[in-house]
Amino acid sequence: MNIERIQLKGQLAEAKSKFKQLDTEAAGLIILIRSLLNPFEDDNSKIDIEKVTVQTARLQNIVFELRSLKNKIENLEEYFG
């Protein structure tokens, strides 16, 4: 096996690991955002919109990175057939 294939397999493993990590973080953020946006709260002025904004911005960044990683993983897996 040549060195390029070994490097690409390493990149594939790293991308899959990073994807799982970010996917888990995204799931946690979704739960947190849902709790911050409690639909059963009668007084909407109690919503901590600053926290919601920070968490949704982080979630947005994660989703963009997940899309990029998914594309990279698919391309590498296609290469290895």
C-alpha atoms as a PDB file:
ATOM      1  CA  MET A   1       0.000   0.000   0.000  1.00  0.00           C
ATOM      2  CA  ASN A   2       1.431   3.347  -0.941  1.00  0.00           C
ATOM      3  CA  ILE A   3       1.886   6.259   1.408  1.00  0.00           C
ATOM      4  CA  GLU A   4      -0.845   8.395  -0.235  1.00  0.00           C
ATOM      5  CA  ARG A   5      -3.509   5.742   0.377  1.00  0.00           C
ATOM      6  CA  ILE A   6      -2.435   5.426   3.998  1.00  0.00           C
ATOM      7  CA  GLN A   7      -2.646   9.191   4.433  1.00  0.00           C
ATOM      8  CA  LEU A   8      -6.096   9.294   2.828  1.00  0.00           C
ATOM      9  CA  LYS A   9      -7.321   6.478   5.074  1.00  0.00           C
ATOM     10  CA  GLY A  10      -6.053   8.474   8.050  1.00  0.00           C
ATOM     11  CA  GLN A  11      -7.911  11.538   6.819  1.00  0.00           C
ATOM     12  CA  LEU A  12     -11.071   9.460   6.399  1.00  0.00           C
ATOM     13  CA  ALA A  13     -10.834   8.088   9.941  1.00  0.00           C
ATOM     14  CA  GLU A  14     -10.160  11.571  11.317  1.00  0.00           C
ATOM     15  CA  ALA A  15     -13.100  13.068   9.397  1.00  0.00           C
ATOM     16  CA  LYS A  16     -15.455  10.338  10.654  1.00  0.00           C
ATOM     17  CA  SER A  17     -14.303  10.871  14.231  1.00  0.00           C
ATOM     18  CA  LYS A  18     -14.736  14.646  13.975  1.00  0.00           C
ATOM     19  CA  PHE A  19     -18.167  14.164  12.380  1.00  0.00           C
ATOM     20  CA  LYS A  20     -19.342  11.975  15.283  1.00  0.00           C
ATOM     21  CA  GLN A  21     -18.026  14.473  17.821  1.00  0.00           C
ATOM     22  CA  LEU A  22     -19.743  17.421  16.150  1.00  0.00           C
ATOM     23  CA  ASP A  23     -22.955  15.462  15.606  1.00  0.00           C
ATOM     24  CA  THR A  24     -23.103  14.705  19.329  1.00  0.00           C
ATOM     25  CA  GLU A  25     -22.448  18.354  20.177  1.00  0.00           C
ATOM     26  CA  ALA A  26     -25.188  19.446  17.757  1.00  0.00           C
ATOM     27  CA  ALA A  27     -27.676  17.081  19.394  1.00  0.00           C
ATOM     28  CA  GLY A  28     -26.819  18.541  22.790  1.00  0.00           C
ATOM     29  CA  LEU A  29     -27.210  22.088  21.511  1.00  0.00           C
ATOM     30  CA  ILE A  30     -30.613  21.278  20.055  1.00  0.00           C
ATOM     31  CA  ILE A  31     -31.761  20.014  23.449  1.00  0.00           C
ATOM     32  CA  LEU A  32     -30.333  23.104  25.148  1.00  0.00           C
ATOM     33  CA  ILE A  33     -31.969  25.494  22.670  1.00  0.00           C
ATOM     34  CA  ARG A  34     -35.305  23.742  23.111  1.00  0.00           C
ATOM     35  CA  SER A  35     -35.056  24.134  26.857  1.00  0.00           C
ATOM     36  CA  LEU A  36     -34.176  27.823  26.502  1.00  0.00           C
ATOM     37  CA  LEU A  37     -37.180  28.304  24.208  1.00  0.00           C
ATOM     38  CA  ASN A  38     -39.639  26.657  26.574  1.00  0.00           C
ATOM     39  CA  PRO A  39     -42.998  26.685  24.741  1.00  0.00           C
ATOM     40  CA  PHE A  40     -44.844  26.325  28.039  1.00  0.00           C
ATOM     41  CA  GLU A  41     -43.490  29.598  29.437  1.00  0.00           C
ATOM     42  CA  ASP A  42     -46.341  32.108  29.660  1.00  0.00           C
ATOM     43  CA  ASP A  43     -44.092  35.154  29.910  1.00  0.00           C
ATOM     44  CA  ASN A  44     -41.973  35.438  26.760  1.00  0.00           C
ATOM     45  CA  SER A  45     -40.003  38.276  28.287  1.00  0.00           C
ATOM     46  CA  LYS A  46     -38.259  35.673  30.462  1.00  0.00           C
ATOM     47  CA  ILE A  47     -36.542  34.087  27.451  1.00  0.00           C
ATOM     48  CA  ASP A  48     -32.784  34.547  27.685  1.00  0.00           C
ATOM     49  CA  ILE A  49     -32.395  35.562  24.058  1.00  0.00           C
ATOM     50  CA  GLU A  50     -28.668  36.195  24.423  1.00  0.00           C
ATOM     51  CA  LYS A  51     -28.076  32.552  25.360  1.00  0.00           C
ATOM     52  CA  VAL A  52     -30.346  31.389  22.561  1.00  0.00           C
ATOM     53  CA  THR A  53     -28.453  33.529  20.056  1.00  0.00           C
ATOM     54  CA  VAL A  54     -25.045  32.236  21.145  1.00  0.00           C
ATOM     55  CA  GLN A  55     -26.174  28.618  21.075  1.00  0.00           C
ATOM     56  CA  THR A  56     -27.902  28.879  17.695  1.00  0.00           C
ATOM     57  CA  ALA A  57     -24.826  30.572  16.211  1.00  0.00           C
ATOM     58  CA  ARG A  58     -22.679  27.686  17.473  1.00  0.00           C
ATOM     59  CA  LEU A  59     -25.206  25.196  16.077  1.00  0.00           C
ATOM     60  CA  GLN A  60     -25.112  26.946  12.714  1.00  0.00           C
ATOM     61  CA  ASN A  61     -21.311  26.697  12.602  1.00  0.00           C
ATOM     62  CA  ILE A  62     -21.465  23.024  13.511  1.00  0.00           C
ATOM     63  CA  VAL A  63     -24.042  22.279  10.810  1.00  0.00           C
ATOM     64  CA  PHE A  64     -21.872  23.976   8.173  1.00  0.00           C
ATOM     65  CA  GLU A  65     -18.868  21.959   9.336  1.00  0.00           C
ATOM     66  CA  LEU A  66     -20.910  18.727   9.381  1.00  0.00           C
ATOM     67  CA  ARG A  67     -21.978  19.327   5.778  1.00  0.00           C
ATOM     68  CA  SER A  68     -18.384  19.885   4.750  1.00  0.00           C
ATOM     69  CA  LEU A  69     -17.184  16.772   6.588  1.00  0.00           C
ATOM     70  CA  LYS A  70     -20.001  14.685   5.132  1.00  0.00           C
ATOM     71  CA  ASN A  71     -18.947  15.711   1.640  1.00  0.00           C
ATOM     72  CA  LYS A  72     -15.297  14.935   2.406  1.00  0.00           C
ATOM     73  CA  ILE A  73     -16.194  11.524   3.865  1.00  0.00           C
ATOM     74  CA  GLU A  74     -18.349  10.649   0.859  1.00  0.00           C
ATOM     75  CA  ASN A  75     -15.556  11.629  -1.547  1.00  0.00           C
ATOM     76  CA  LEU A  76     -12.948   9.621   0.339  1.00  0.00           C
ATOM     77  CA  GLU A  77     -15.208   6.573   0.628  1.00  0.00           C
ATOM     78  CA  GLU A  78     -15.950   6.800  -3.082  1.00  0.00           C
ATOM     79  CA  TYR A  79     -12.203   6.867  -3.769  1.00  0.00           C
ATOM     80  CA  PHE A  80     -11.700   3.670  -1.764  1.00  0.00           C
ATOM     81  CA  GLY A  81     -14.756   2.103  -3.423  1.00  0.00           C
END
